[in-house]
Amino acid sequence: MSPFLKRFINGLGSALAIGGIVFAAMRLRDYSAELDLSRLDSWLFVAMGGLAIVYGSANFLLAEAWRQLLIQFGEYPSGKWAIRIYGISQIAKYLPGNIFHLAGRQAYGTSDGYDAKALAKSAVWELGLLAVVGGLFSLLAVPLLSDFVPLPVSWALFGFAMVAGKKCIDKIIGTAAGRAFVWQAIFLAISGGVFLVLLELLSGGIQVSSMILPGIAAAYVVAWLAGLVTPGAPAGVGVREMVLLLLLSPILPESTLLLAVVLGRAVTVVGDVLFFMFAWISSLNVIQVHALDNES
């Protein structure tokens, strides 16, 4: 890919991110009179803190998925090492460009003696598998957009696609990659569930059929994926919010949805920071142990 094309793609992604932020801000302005800020009581913030802890803890699953991919490509790091490196580097996804967390992992891994090619392959396949898993979740969201596919059919298709996807990955790449696929799927399911719980808290109970709730959670996963694959959008900021509004505004009150989108971003940011802090403190302990070993 030529340098000009790379700059163009990154610029396009950044433009989408900015456009998404502007879009969400404009919708917030339009519905500001309808936003019931009285719902933002202390109990809601306590609940948001709990959801942030759940989301931050779910990042351990992504770290384990990355470790399984490294195992697939011939490296065998410990779980503690993978969590430490993944957590410290992952916070860099909030930097413009949306690639610095991957570069950080590559740098940390090679400095600790792991093969550069295996690290690069693990990064590529991590993104590829996340795209596949997120794409499969879109099957649950199809009934939100069209009545052509009944809800039970979308559930059956999703279940079949997940099982078939796991078997295909086991055969084409390897069983360790298949395990990574499963961990990523669980992470995305938890992420969608966190958004769904937040939406329930804000609305006092979503006024839709309970059968459609998995589709709403899946819509969050689709929006998360859109942000992930957009170059130049740091942590999918703007893109995720715009896609969520487009997918869910036809079935949910937009004032409540806007508030959930904004607070949902706050929950994920705090969760990522908590995961980073855990990994950083773990790294300090490792440095201290090494220092004591050198003194003895």
C-alpha atoms as a PDB file:
ATOM      1  CA  MET A   1       0.000   0.000   0.000  1.00  0.00           C
ATOM      2  CA  SER A   2       1.403   3.389  -0.997  1.00  0.00           C
ATOM      3  CA  PRO A   3       2.100   6.035   1.682  1.00  0.00           C
ATOM      4  CA  PHE A   4      -0.492   8.305   0.046  1.00  0.00           C
ATOM      5  CA  LEU A   5      -3.177   5.613   0.255  1.00  0.00           C
ATOM      6  CA  LYS A   6      -2.337   4.916   3.900  1.00  0.00           C
ATOM      7  CA  ARG A   7      -2.652   8.606   4.734  1.00  0.00           C
ATOM      8  CA  PHE A   8      -5.918   8.791   2.790  1.00  0.00           C
ATOM      9  CA  ILE A   9      -7.443   5.799   4.621  1.00  0.00           C
ATOM     10  CA  ASN A  10      -6.355   7.102   8.027  1.00  0.00           C
ATOM     11  CA  GLY A  11      -7.673  10.530   7.147  1.00  0.00           C
ATOM     12  CA  LEU A  12     -10.985   9.033   6.059  1.00  0.00           C
ATOM     13  CA  GLY A  13     -11.247   7.105   9.322  1.00  0.00           C
ATOM     14  CA  SER A  14     -10.477  10.220  11.343  1.00  0.00           C
ATOM     15  CA  ALA A  15     -13.101  12.133   9.370  1.00  0.00           C
ATOM     16  CA  LEU A  16     -15.660   9.416  10.144  1.00  0.00           C
ATOM     17  CA  ALA A  17     -14.753   9.578  13.826  1.00  0.00           C
ATOM     18  CA  ILE A  18     -15.105  13.358  13.917  1.00  0.00           C
ATOM     19  CA  GLY A  19     -18.328  13.126  11.928  1.00  0.00           C
ATOM     20  CA  GLY A  20     -19.692  10.585  14.388  1.00  0.00           C
ATOM     21  CA  ILE A  21     -18.868  12.801  17.355  1.00  0.00           C
ATOM     22  CA  VAL A  22     -20.501  15.794  15.664  1.00  0.00           C
ATOM     23  CA  PHE A  23     -23.539  13.673  14.750  1.00  0.00           C
ATOM     24  CA  ALA A  24     -23.981  12.486  18.340  1.00  0.00           C
ATOM     25  CA  ALA A  25     -23.444  16.008  19.689  1.00  0.00           C
ATOM     26  CA  MET A  26     -26.078  17.422  17.335  1.00  0.00           C
ATOM     27  CA  ARG A  27     -28.576  14.758  18.365  1.00  0.00           C
ATOM     28  CA  LEU A  28     -27.831  15.500  22.017  1.00  0.00           C
ATOM     29  CA  ARG A  29     -28.501  19.178  21.376  1.00  0.00           C
ATOM     30  CA  ASP A  30     -31.768  18.399  19.586  1.00  0.00           C
ATOM     31  CA  TYR A  31     -32.989  16.204  22.435  1.00  0.00           C
ATOM     32  CA  SER A  32     -31.446  18.145  25.331  1.00  0.00           C
ATOM     33  CA  ALA A  33     -34.878  19.333  26.480  1.00  0.00           C
ATOM     34  CA  GLU A  34     -36.116  15.733  26.622  1.00  0.00           C
ATOM     35  CA  LEU A  35     -33.144  14.322  28.508  1.00  0.00           C
ATOM     36  CA  ASP A  36     -34.237  13.504  32.034  1.00  0.00           C
ATOM     37  CA  LEU A  37     -31.019  14.185  33.924  1.00  0.00           C
ATOM     38  CA  SER A  38     -32.822  13.485  37.199  1.00  0.00           C
ATOM     39  CA  ARG A  39     -32.168   9.819  36.401  1.00  0.00           C
ATOM     40  CA  LEU A  40     -28.472  10.425  36.993  1.00  0.00           C
ATOM     41  CA  ASP A  41     -28.631   9.806  40.726  1.00  0.00           C
ATOM     42  CA  SER A  42     -25.938   8.379  42.972  1.00  0.00           C
ATOM     43  CA  TRP A  43     -27.235   4.820  42.605  1.00  0.00           C
ATOM     44  CA  LEU A  44     -26.878   5.024  38.837  1.00  0.00           C
ATOM     45  CA  PHE A  45     -23.254   6.100  39.169  1.00  0.00           C
ATOM     46  CA  VAL A  46     -22.634   3.229  41.585  1.00  0.00           C
ATOM     47  CA  ALA A  47     -24.165   0.865  39.022  1.00  0.00           C
ATOM     48  CA  MET A  48     -22.018   2.411  36.290  1.00  0.00           C
ATOM     49  CA  GLY A  49     -18.961   1.800  38.453  1.00  0.00           C
ATOM     50  CA  GLY A  50     -19.964  -1.838  38.767  1.00  0.00           C
ATOM     51  CA  LEU A  51     -20.473  -2.110  35.014  1.00  0.00           C
ATOM     52  CA  ALA A  52     -17.050  -0.530  34.441  1.00  0.00           C
ATOM     53  CA  ILE A  53     -15.491  -3.192  36.671  1.00  0.00           C
ATOM     54  CA  VAL A  54     -17.310  -5.913  34.726  1.00  0.00           C
ATOM     55  CA  TYR A  55     -16.153  -4.465  31.397  1.00  0.00           C
ATOM     56  CA  GLY A  56     -12.597  -3.978  32.638  1.00  0.00           C
ATOM     57  CA  SER A  57     -12.509  -7.559  33.917  1.00  0.00           C
ATOM     58  CA  ALA A  58     -13.752  -8.792  30.536  1.00  0.00           C
ATOM     59  CA  ASN A  59     -10.517  -7.466  29.041  1.00  0.00           C
ATOM     60  CA  PHE A  60      -8.773 -10.406  30.702  1.00  0.00           C
ATOM     61  CA  LEU A  61     -10.578 -12.554  28.128  1.00  0.00           C
ATOM     62  CA  LEU A  62      -9.054 -10.547  25.267  1.00  0.00           C
ATOM     63  CA  ALA A  63      -5.623 -10.922  26.834  1.00  0.00           C
ATOM     64  CA  GLU A  64      -6.126 -14.686  27.049  1.00  0.00           C
ATOM     65  CA  ALA A  65      -7.326 -14.755  23.433  1.00  0.00           C
ATOM     66  CA  TRP A  66      -4.129 -12.974  22.390  1.00  0.00           C
ATOM     67  CA  ARG A  67      -2.050 -15.461  24.408  1.00  0.00           C
ATOM     68  CA  GLN A  68      -3.774 -18.351  22.635  1.00  0.00           C
ATOM     69  CA  LEU A  69      -2.880 -16.815  19.274  1.00  0.00           C
ATOM     70  CA  LEU A  70       0.752 -16.523  20.349  1.00  0.00           C
ATOM     71  CA  ILE A  71       0.628 -20.196  21.329  1.00  0.00           C
ATOM     72  CA  GLN A  72      -0.823 -20.966  17.909  1.00  0.00           C
ATOM     73  CA  PHE A  73       2.212 -19.341  16.293  1.00  0.00           C
ATOM     74  CA  GLY A  74       4.818 -21.077  18.422  1.00  0.00           C
ATOM     75  CA  GLU A  75       5.275 -18.817  21.458  1.00  0.00           C
ATOM     76  CA  TYR A  76       4.204 -19.878  24.945  1.00  0.00           C
ATOM     77  CA  PRO A  77       3.915 -16.865  27.273  1.00  0.00           C
ATOM     78  CA  SER A  78       2.416 -17.133  30.727  1.00  0.00           C
ATOM     79  CA  GLY A  79      -1.048 -15.825  31.429  1.00  0.00           C
ATOM     80  CA  LYS A  80       0.359 -13.186  33.790  1.00  0.00           C
ATOM     81  CA  TRP A  81       2.743 -11.892  31.120  1.00  0.00           C
ATOM     82  CA  ALA A  82      -0.027 -11.682  28.517  1.00  0.00           C
ATOM     83  CA  ILE A  83      -2.334  -9.774  30.877  1.00  0.00           C
ATOM     84  CA  ARG A  84       0.437  -7.376  31.862  1.00  0.00           C
ATOM     85  CA  ILE A  85       1.552  -6.561  28.309  1.00  0.00           C
ATOM     86  CA  TYR A  86      -1.954  -6.509  26.848  1.00  0.00           C
ATOM     87  CA  GLY A  87      -3.277  -4.252  29.600  1.00  0.00           C
ATOM     88  CA  ILE A  88      -0.429  -1.746  29.477  1.00  0.00           C
ATOM     89  CA  SER A  89      -0.420  -1.465  25.681  1.00  0.00           C
ATOM     90  CA  GLN A  90      -4.192  -1.520  25.185  1.00  0.00           C
ATOM     91  CA  ILE A  91      -4.728   1.965  26.625  1.00  0.00           C
ATOM     92  CA  ALA A  92      -2.852   3.346  23.593  1.00  0.00           C
ATOM     93  CA  LYS A  93      -5.871   2.537  21.399  1.00  0.00           C
ATOM     94  CA  TYR A  94      -7.252   5.905  22.508  1.00  0.00           C
ATOM     95  CA  LEU A  95      -4.458   7.679  20.635  1.00  0.00           C
ATOM     96  CA  PRO A  96      -5.280   8.935  17.112  1.00  0.00           C
ATOM     97  CA  GLY A  97      -4.444   6.307  14.511  1.00  0.00           C
ATOM     98  CA  ASN A  98      -5.945   3.306  16.313  1.00  0.00           C
ATOM     99  CA  ILE A  99      -2.767   1.255  15.854  1.00  0.00           C
ATOM    100  CA  PHE A 100      -0.459   2.271  18.686  1.00  0.00           C
ATOM    101  CA  HIS A 101      -1.736  -0.435  21.044  1.00  0.00           C
ATOM    102  CA  LEU A 102      -0.655  -3.025  18.476  1.00  0.00           C
ATOM    103  CA  ALA A 103       2.733  -1.358  18.006  1.00  0.00           C
ATOM    104  CA  GLY A 104       3.200  -1.243  21.772  1.00  0.00           C
ATOM    105  CA  ARG A 105       2.475  -4.942  22.119  1.00  0.00           C
ATOM    106  CA  GLN A 106       4.971  -5.678  19.356  1.00  0.00           C
ATOM    107  CA  ALA A 107       7.649  -3.600  21.084  1.00  0.00           C
ATOM    108  CA  TYR A 108       7.057  -5.056  24.551  1.00  0.00           C
ATOM    109  CA  GLY A 109       6.955  -8.594  23.197  1.00  0.00           C
ATOM    110  CA  THR A 110      10.174  -8.388  21.205  1.00  0.00           C
ATOM    111  CA  SER A 111      11.977  -6.708  24.120  1.00  0.00           C
ATOM    112  CA  ASP A 112      10.985  -9.687  26.274  1.00  0.00           C
ATOM    113  CA  GLY A 113      12.447 -12.108  23.747  1.00  0.00           C
ATOM    114  CA  TYR A 114       9.379 -13.258  21.830  1.00  0.00           C
ATOM    115  CA  ASP A 115       9.519 -13.770  18.071  1.00  0.00           C
ATOM    116  CA  ALA A 116       8.593 -10.635  16.121  1.00  0.00           C
ATOM    117  CA  LYS A 117       6.845 -12.615  13.363  1.00  0.00           C
ATOM    118  CA  ALA A 118       4.693 -14.506  15.856  1.00  0.00           C
ATOM    119  CA  LEU A 119       3.738 -11.232  17.546  1.00  0.00           C
ATOM    120  CA  ALA A 120       2.830  -9.642  14.210  1.00  0.00           C
ATOM    121  CA  LYS A 121       0.778 -12.672  13.164  1.00  0.00           C
ATOM    122  CA  SER A 122      -1.065 -12.661  16.481  1.00  0.00           C
ATOM    123  CA  ALA A 123      -2.018  -8.992  15.980  1.00  0.00           C
ATOM    124  CA  VAL A 124      -3.299  -9.598  12.457  1.00  0.00           C
ATOM    125  CA  TRP A 125      -5.299 -12.671  13.418  1.00  0.00           C
ATOM    126  CA  GLU A 126      -6.640 -10.997  16.548  1.00  0.00           C
ATOM    127  CA  LEU A 127      -8.204  -8.267  14.418  1.00  0.00           C
ATOM    128  CA  GLY A 128      -9.350 -10.799  11.839  1.00  0.00           C
ATOM    129  CA  LEU A 129     -11.037 -13.058  14.381  1.00  0.00           C
ATOM    130  CA  LEU A 130     -12.665 -10.108  16.149  1.00  0.00           C
ATOM    131  CA  ALA A 131     -14.072  -8.997  12.799  1.00  0.00           C
ATOM    132  CA  VAL A 132     -15.440 -12.498  12.167  1.00  0.00           C
ATOM    133  CA  VAL A 133     -16.960 -12.841  15.644  1.00  0.00           C
ATOM    134  CA  GLY A 134     -18.455  -9.354  15.516  1.00  0.00           C
ATOM    135  CA  GLY A 135     -19.839 -10.057  12.073  1.00  0.00           C
ATOM    136  CA  LEU A 136     -21.550 -13.195  13.357  1.00  0.00           C
ATOM    137  CA  PHE A 137     -23.204 -11.196  16.143  1.00  0.00           C
ATOM    138  CA  SER A 138     -24.812  -9.083  13.424  1.00  0.00           C
ATOM    139  CA  LEU A 139     -27.092 -12.063  12.719  1.00  0.00           C
ATOM    140  CA  LEU A 140     -28.832 -11.344  16.022  1.00  0.00           C
ATOM    141  CA  ALA A 141     -29.311  -7.705  15.032  1.00  0.00           C
ATOM    142  CA  VAL A 142     -30.922  -8.416  11.644  1.00  0.00           C
ATOM    143  CA  PRO A 143     -34.500  -8.486  13.059  1.00  0.00           C
ATOM    144  CA  LEU A 144     -33.969  -4.909  14.276  1.00  0.00           C
ATOM    145  CA  LEU A 145     -33.700  -3.774  10.672  1.00  0.00           C
ATOM    146  CA  SER A 146     -36.123  -6.089   8.918  1.00  0.00           C
ATOM    147  CA  ASP A 147     -39.132  -8.246   9.753  1.00  0.00           C
ATOM    148  CA  PHE A 148     -38.106 -10.629   6.982  1.00  0.00           C
ATOM    149  CA  VAL A 149     -35.970 -12.708   9.378  1.00  0.00           C
ATOM    150  CA  PRO A 150     -37.933 -13.920  12.458  1.00  0.00           C
ATOM    151  CA  LEU A 151     -36.182 -13.750  15.824  1.00  0.00           C
ATOM    152  CA  PRO A 152     -35.983 -17.544  16.365  1.00  0.00           C
ATOM    153  CA  VAL A 153     -34.401 -17.908  12.927  1.00  0.00           C
ATOM    154  CA  SER A 154     -31.763 -15.274  13.705  1.00  0.00           C
ATOM    155  CA  TRP A 155     -30.940 -17.038  16.981  1.00  0.00           C
ATOM    156  CA  ALA A 156     -30.620 -20.385  15.224  1.00  0.00           C
ATOM    157  CA  LEU A 157     -28.433 -18.880  12.500  1.00  0.00           C
ATOM    158  CA  PHE A 158     -26.221 -17.226  15.105  1.00  0.00           C
ATOM    159  CA  GLY A 159     -25.783 -20.430  17.093  1.00  0.00           C
ATOM    160  CA  PHE A 160     -25.027 -22.465  13.981  1.00  0.00           C
ATOM    161  CA  ALA A 161     -22.603 -19.840  12.652  1.00  0.00           C
ATOM    162  CA  MET A 162     -20.691 -19.681  15.940  1.00  0.00           C
ATOM    163  CA  VAL A 163     -20.282 -23.460  16.131  1.00  0.00           C
ATOM    164  CA  ALA A 164     -19.359 -23.708  12.450  1.00  0.00           C
ATOM    165  CA  GLY A 165     -16.958 -20.773  12.777  1.00  0.00           C
ATOM    166  CA  LYS A 166     -15.170 -22.401  15.701  1.00  0.00           C
ATOM    167  CA  LYS A 167     -14.794 -25.685  13.832  1.00  0.00           C
ATOM    168  CA  CYS A 168     -13.511 -23.935  10.691  1.00  0.00           C
ATOM    169  CA  ILE A 169     -10.922 -21.980  12.668  1.00  0.00           C
ATOM    170  CA  ASP A 170      -9.809 -25.158  14.455  1.00  0.00           C
ATOM    171  CA  LYS A 171      -9.266 -26.819  11.092  1.00  0.00           C
ATOM    172  CA  ILE A 172      -7.833 -23.916   9.074  1.00  0.00           C
ATOM    173  CA  ILE A 173      -5.636 -22.208  11.687  1.00  0.00           C
ATOM    174  CA  GLY A 174      -5.504 -24.467  14.732  1.00  0.00           C
ATOM    175  CA  THR A 175      -7.184 -25.303  18.018  1.00  0.00           C
ATOM    176  CA  ALA A 176      -5.434 -22.544  19.964  1.00  0.00           C
ATOM    177  CA  ALA A 177      -6.846 -20.000  17.513  1.00  0.00           C
ATOM    178  CA  GLY A 178     -10.230 -21.656  18.005  1.00  0.00           C
ATOM    179  CA  ARG A 179      -9.937 -21.051  21.741  1.00  0.00           C
ATOM    180  CA  ALA A 180      -9.085 -17.408  21.022  1.00  0.00           C
ATOM    181  CA  PHE A 181     -12.273 -17.194  18.952  1.00  0.00           C
ATOM    182  CA  VAL A 182     -14.321 -18.427  21.923  1.00  0.00           C
ATOM    183  CA  TRP A 183     -12.734 -15.983  24.394  1.00  0.00           C
ATOM    184  CA  GLN A 184     -13.364 -13.101  22.001  1.00  0.00           C
ATOM    185  CA  ALA A 185     -16.998 -14.133  21.561  1.00  0.00           C
ATOM    186  CA  ILE A 186     -17.513 -14.191  25.333  1.00  0.00           C
ATOM    187  CA  PHE A 187     -15.914 -10.742  25.644  1.00  0.00           C
ATOM    188  CA  LEU A 188     -18.222  -9.293  22.997  1.00  0.00           C
ATOM    189  CA  ALA A 189     -21.263 -10.912  24.612  1.00  0.00           C
ATOM    190  CA  ILE A 190     -20.320  -9.347  27.961  1.00  0.00           C
ATOM    191  CA  SER A 191     -19.761  -5.955  26.284  1.00  0.00           C
ATOM    192  CA  GLY A 192     -23.202  -6.077  24.694  1.00  0.00           C
ATOM    193  CA  GLY A 193     -24.697  -7.177  27.995  1.00  0.00           C
ATOM    194  CA  VAL A 194     -23.099  -4.247  29.837  1.00  0.00           C
ATOM    195  CA  PHE A 195     -24.665  -1.782  27.384  1.00  0.00           C
ATOM    196  CA  LEU A 196     -28.019  -3.539  27.656  1.00  0.00           C
ATOM    197  CA  VAL A 197     -27.992  -3.323  31.473  1.00  0.00           C
ATOM    198  CA  LEU A 198     -27.097   0.375  31.293  1.00  0.00           C
ATOM    199  CA  LEU A 199     -29.955   0.974  28.878  1.00  0.00           C
ATOM    200  CA  GLU A 200     -32.329  -0.865  31.220  1.00  0.00           C
ATOM    201  CA  LEU A 201     -31.186   1.250  34.176  1.00  0.00           C
ATOM    202  CA  LEU A 202     -31.721   4.501  32.290  1.00  0.00           C
ATOM    203  CA  SER A 203     -35.102   3.581  30.859  1.00  0.00           C
ATOM    204  CA  GLY A 204     -36.511   1.850  33.923  1.00  0.00           C
ATOM    205  CA  GLY A 205     -37.154  -1.179  31.723  1.00  0.00           C
ATOM    206  CA  ILE A 206     -36.880  -1.193  27.941  1.00  0.00           C
ATOM    207  CA  GLN A 207     -40.352  -1.041  26.417  1.00  0.00           C
ATOM    208  CA  VAL A 208     -39.755  -3.713  23.776  1.00  0.00           C
ATOM    209  CA  SER A 209     -40.285  -7.447  23.611  1.00  0.00           C
ATOM    210  CA  SER A 210     -37.795  -9.377  25.742  1.00  0.00           C
ATOM    211  CA  MET A 211     -37.052 -11.474  22.664  1.00  0.00           C
ATOM    212  CA  ILE A 212     -35.467  -8.438  20.987  1.00  0.00           C
ATOM    213  CA  LEU A 213     -33.036  -7.752  23.860  1.00  0.00           C
ATOM    214  CA  PRO A 214     -30.277 -10.008  22.442  1.00  0.00           C
ATOM    215  CA  GLY A 215     -30.593  -8.051  19.199  1.00  0.00           C
ATOM    216  CA  ILE A 216     -30.020  -4.772  21.060  1.00  0.00           C
ATOM    217  CA  ALA A 217     -26.908  -6.215  22.716  1.00  0.00           C
ATOM    218  CA  ALA A 218     -25.768  -7.476  19.305  1.00  0.00           C
ATOM    219  CA  ALA A 219     -26.274  -3.994  17.841  1.00  0.00           C
ATOM    220  CA  TYR A 220     -23.755  -2.729  20.383  1.00  0.00           C
ATOM    221  CA  VAL A 221     -21.294  -5.405  19.243  1.00  0.00           C
ATOM    222  CA  VAL A 222     -21.799  -4.391  15.598  1.00  0.00           C
ATOM    223  CA  ALA A 223     -21.179  -0.745  16.528  1.00  0.00           C
ATOM    224  CA  TRP A 224     -18.086  -1.775  18.509  1.00  0.00           C
ATOM    225  CA  LEU A 225     -16.812  -3.668  15.473  1.00  0.00           C
ATOM    226  CA  ALA A 226     -17.423  -0.671  13.199  1.00  0.00           C
ATOM    227  CA  GLY A 227     -15.255   1.424  15.488  1.00  0.00           C
ATOM    228  CA  LEU A 228     -12.583  -1.271  15.646  1.00  0.00           C
ATOM    229  CA  VAL A 229     -12.129  -1.582  11.890  1.00  0.00           C
ATOM    230  CA  THR A 230     -12.211   2.158  11.150  1.00  0.00           C
ATOM    231  CA  PRO A 231      -8.611   3.367  10.680  1.00  0.00           C
ATOM    232  CA  GLY A 232      -7.796   6.634  12.392  1.00  0.00           C
ATOM    233  CA  ALA A 233     -10.686   6.444  14.886  1.00  0.00           C
ATOM    234  CA  PRO A 234      -9.103   6.125  18.356  1.00  0.00           C
ATOM    235  CA  ALA A 235     -10.938   3.308  20.181  1.00  0.00           C
ATOM    236  CA  GLY A 236     -13.765   3.758  17.676  1.00  0.00           C
ATOM    237  CA  VAL A 237     -14.733   7.098  19.247  1.00  0.00           C
ATOM    238  CA  GLY A 238     -17.544   8.688  17.249  1.00  0.00           C
ATOM    239  CA  VAL A 239     -17.995   5.756  14.889  1.00  0.00           C
ATOM    240  CA  ARG A 240     -19.389   3.411  17.555  1.00  0.00           C
ATOM    241  CA  GLU A 241     -21.803   6.062  18.800  1.00  0.00           C
ATOM    242  CA  MET A 242     -23.024   6.951  15.313  1.00  0.00           C
ATOM    243  CA  VAL A 243     -23.677   3.310  14.356  1.00  0.00           C
ATOM    244  CA  LEU A 244     -25.521   2.665  17.629  1.00  0.00           C
ATOM    245  CA  LEU A 245     -27.818   5.619  17.051  1.00  0.00           C
ATOM    246  CA  LEU A 246     -28.519   4.548  13.483  1.00  0.00           C
ATOM    247  CA  LEU A 247     -29.313   0.950  14.474  1.00  0.00           C
ATOM    248  CA  LEU A 248     -31.352   1.510  17.621  1.00  0.00           C
ATOM    249  CA  SER A 249     -33.116   4.862  17.189  1.00  0.00           C
ATOM    250  CA  PRO A 250     -35.987   3.253  15.193  1.00  0.00           C
ATOM    251  CA  ILE A 251     -36.990   1.063  18.167  1.00  0.00           C
ATOM    252  CA  LEU A 252     -35.907   3.028  21.261  1.00  0.00           C
ATOM    253  CA  PRO A 253     -36.659   6.547  22.540  1.00  0.00           C
ATOM    254  CA  GLU A 254     -33.807   8.605  21.151  1.00  0.00           C
ATOM    255  CA  SER A 255     -33.408  10.744  24.270  1.00  0.00           C
ATOM    256  CA  THR A 256     -32.789   7.641  26.404  1.00  0.00           C
ATOM    257  CA  LEU A 257     -30.616   6.064  23.726  1.00  0.00           C
ATOM    258  CA  LEU A 258     -28.420   9.175  23.462  1.00  0.00           C
ATOM    259  CA  LEU A 259     -27.850   9.203  27.195  1.00  0.00           C
ATOM    260  CA  ALA A 260     -27.021   5.485  27.166  1.00  0.00           C
ATOM    261  CA  VAL A 261     -24.565   5.971  24.302  1.00  0.00           C
ATOM    262  CA  VAL A 262     -22.719   8.766  26.110  1.00  0.00           C
ATOM    263  CA  LEU A 263     -22.667   7.015  29.488  1.00  0.00           C
ATOM    264  CA  GLY A 264     -21.789   3.720  27.806  1.00  0.00           C
ATOM    265  CA  ARG A 265     -18.635   5.293  26.436  1.00  0.00           C
ATOM    266  CA  ALA A 266     -17.788   6.527  29.946  1.00  0.00           C
ATOM    267  CA  VAL A 267     -18.231   3.000  31.317  1.00  0.00           C
ATOM    268  CA  THR A 268     -15.897   1.456  28.731  1.00  0.00           C
ATOM    269  CA  VAL A 269     -13.237   4.148  29.182  1.00  0.00           C
ATOM    270  CA  VAL A 270     -13.235   3.680  32.959  1.00  0.00           C
ATOM    271  CA  GLY A 271     -13.149  -0.091  32.477  1.00  0.00           C
ATOM    272  CA  ASP A 272     -10.147   0.177  30.160  1.00  0.00           C
ATOM    273  CA  VAL A 273      -8.378   2.458  32.653  1.00  0.00           C
ATOM    274  CA  LEU A 274      -9.028  -0.005  35.492  1.00  0.00           C
ATOM    275  CA  PHE A 275      -7.595  -2.841  33.404  1.00  0.00           C
ATOM    276  CA  PHE A 276      -4.580  -0.682  32.543  1.00  0.00           C
ATOM    277  CA  MET A 277      -4.007   0.170  36.214  1.00  0.00           C
ATOM    278  CA  PHE A 278      -4.136  -3.507  37.174  1.00  0.00           C
ATOM    279  CA  ALA A 279      -1.609  -4.371  34.453  1.00  0.00           C
ATOM    280  CA  TRP A 280       0.624  -1.425  35.363  1.00  0.00           C
ATOM    281  CA  ILE A 281       0.683  -2.340  39.063  1.00  0.00           C
ATOM    282  CA  SER A 282       1.492  -5.924  38.050  1.00  0.00           C
ATOM    283  CA  SER A 283       4.418  -4.644  35.972  1.00  0.00           C
ATOM    284  CA  LEU A 284       5.748  -2.680  38.961  1.00  0.00           C
ATOM    285  CA  ASN A 285       5.693  -5.864  41.023  1.00  0.00           C
ATOM    286  CA  VAL A 286       7.648  -7.674  38.297  1.00  0.00           C
ATOM    287  CA  ILE A 287      10.249  -4.886  38.191  1.00  0.00           C
ATOM    288  CA  GLN A 288      10.571  -5.014  41.984  1.00  0.00           C
ATOM    289  CA  VAL A 289      11.063  -8.785  41.960  1.00  0.00           C
ATOM    290  CA  HIS A 290      13.746  -8.492  39.261  1.00  0.00           C
ATOM    291  CA  ALA A 291      15.516  -5.790  41.276  1.00  0.00           C
ATOM    292  CA  LEU A 292      15.536  -7.987  44.386  1.00  0.00           C
ATOM    293  CA  ASP A 293      16.871 -10.923  42.345  1.00  0.00           C
ATOM    294  CA  ASN A 294      19.714  -8.764  41.012  1.00  0.00           C
ATOM    295  CA  GLU A 295      20.648  -7.638  44.515  1.00  0.00           C
ATOM    296  CA  SER A 296      20.809 -11.197  45.854  1.00  0.00           C
END
